[in-house]
Amino acid sequence: MVQVEPWVDDVIVALRETMMEANPTCRIEIRDFGVFEVKITKAKPKARNPKTNEVIYVPEHRKTHFKPSKLLKEFLRQPLD
């Protein structure tokens, strides 16, 4: 039996490191699976803390985004039996 776990772990580590080193953005496409992106958010000078109702400043930062491929999206939209 072939062990694929080390290979999968290596791929995930490589994806994570690439995304963490993004300066400031990156796009990683895996055909027929989807696209991982690091995007920049805009600063929000008047955000509100919902617990305390306090107005706070949220600086611009990076965020991750995943967009599934058309093939994956169509499969996931199928009704469950």
Protein backbone atom coordinates (compact mmCIF):
# COMPACT_ATOMS: atom_id res chain seq x y z
CA MET A 1 0.00 0.00 0.00
CA VAL A 2 1.33 3.43 -0.99
CA GLN A 3 1.53 6.04 1.75
CA VAL A 4 0.20 9.38 0.46
CA GLU A 5 -0.03 11.17 3.79
CA PRO A 6 3.54 12.60 3.69
CA TRP A 7 2.95 13.88 0.15
CA VAL A 8 -0.37 15.49 1.09
CA ASP A 9 1.25 17.07 4.17
CA ASP A 10 4.06 18.48 2.00
CA VAL A 11 1.57 20.01 -0.46
CA ILE A 12 -0.44 21.61 2.35
CA VAL A 13 2.73 23.00 3.96
CA ALA A 14 3.83 24.43 0.59
CA LEU A 15 0.40 26.06 0.06
CA ARG A 16 0.44 27.54 3.56
CA GLU A 17 3.99 28.90 3.22
CA THR A 18 3.24 30.42 -0.18
CA MET A 19 0.13 32.13 1.18
CA MET A 20 1.96 33.37 4.30
CA GLU A 21 4.78 34.82 2.17
CA ALA A 22 2.33 36.66 -0.10
CA ASN A 23 3.41 40.25 -0.44
CA PRO A 24 0.69 41.48 -0.41
CA THR A 25 -1.46 39.13 -2.53
CA CYS A 26 -1.19 35.75 -4.25
CA ARG A 27 -3.33 33.37 -6.28
CA ILE A 28 -2.89 29.58 -6.29
CA GLU A 29 -5.01 27.65 -8.79
CA ILE A 30 -5.48 23.89 -8.61
CA ARG A 31 -7.24 22.79 -11.81
CA ASP A 32 -10.66 21.15 -11.34
CA PHE A 33 -10.52 21.92 -7.60
CA GLY A 34 -10.43 25.66 -7.06
CA VAL A 35 -8.46 28.82 -6.42
CA PHE A 36 -6.90 29.92 -3.13
CA GLU A 37 -6.24 33.65 -2.88
CA VAL A 38 -4.78 36.07 -0.39
CA LYS A 39 -6.54 39.41 -0.73
CA ILE A 40 -6.22 42.78 0.95
CA THR A 41 -9.17 44.17 2.89
CA LYS A 42 -9.87 47.88 3.15
CA ALA A 43 -9.43 49.69 6.45
CA LYS A 44 -12.65 50.31 8.34
CA PRO A 45 -12.37 53.52 10.36
CA LYS A 46 -15.85 53.21 11.87
CA ALA A 47 -16.38 49.53 12.65
CA ARG A 48 -18.51 48.68 15.66
CA ASN A 49 -17.87 46.09 18.37
CA PRO A 50 -21.25 44.30 18.66
CA LYS A 51 -20.70 43.36 22.34
CA THR A 52 -19.82 46.80 23.65
CA ASN A 53 -21.26 48.94 20.84
CA GLU A 54 -17.89 50.76 20.85
CA VAL A 55 -16.69 52.34 17.59
CA ILE A 56 -13.28 50.92 16.67
CA TYR A 57 -10.75 51.26 13.85
CA VAL A 58 -9.90 48.10 11.91
CA PRO A 59 -6.71 48.52 9.82
CA GLU A 60 -6.35 47.00 6.36
CA HIS A 61 -5.13 43.42 6.48
CA ARG A 62 -4.88 40.28 4.37
CA LYS A 63 -7.53 37.58 4.21
CA THR A 64 -7.85 34.21 2.52
CA HIS A 65 -10.47 33.35 -0.05
CA PHE A 66 -11.33 30.04 -1.73
CA LYS A 67 -13.34 29.81 -4.93
CA PRO A 68 -14.32 26.27 -5.94
CA SER A 69 -13.94 25.19 -9.57
CA LYS A 70 -16.99 24.88 -11.79
CA LEU A 71 -16.79 21.08 -11.56
CA LEU A 72 -16.68 21.11 -7.75
CA LYS A 73 -19.39 23.76 -7.48
CA GLU A 74 -21.76 21.76 -9.72
CA PHE A 75 -21.17 18.61 -7.66
CA LEU A 76 -21.80 20.40 -4.36
CA ARG A 77 -25.07 21.89 -5.67
CA GLN A 78 -26.61 18.49 -6.37
CA PRO A 79 -29.52 17.64 -4.04
CA LEU A 80 -28.90 15.07 -1.33
CA ASP A 81 -30.86 11.83 -1.51
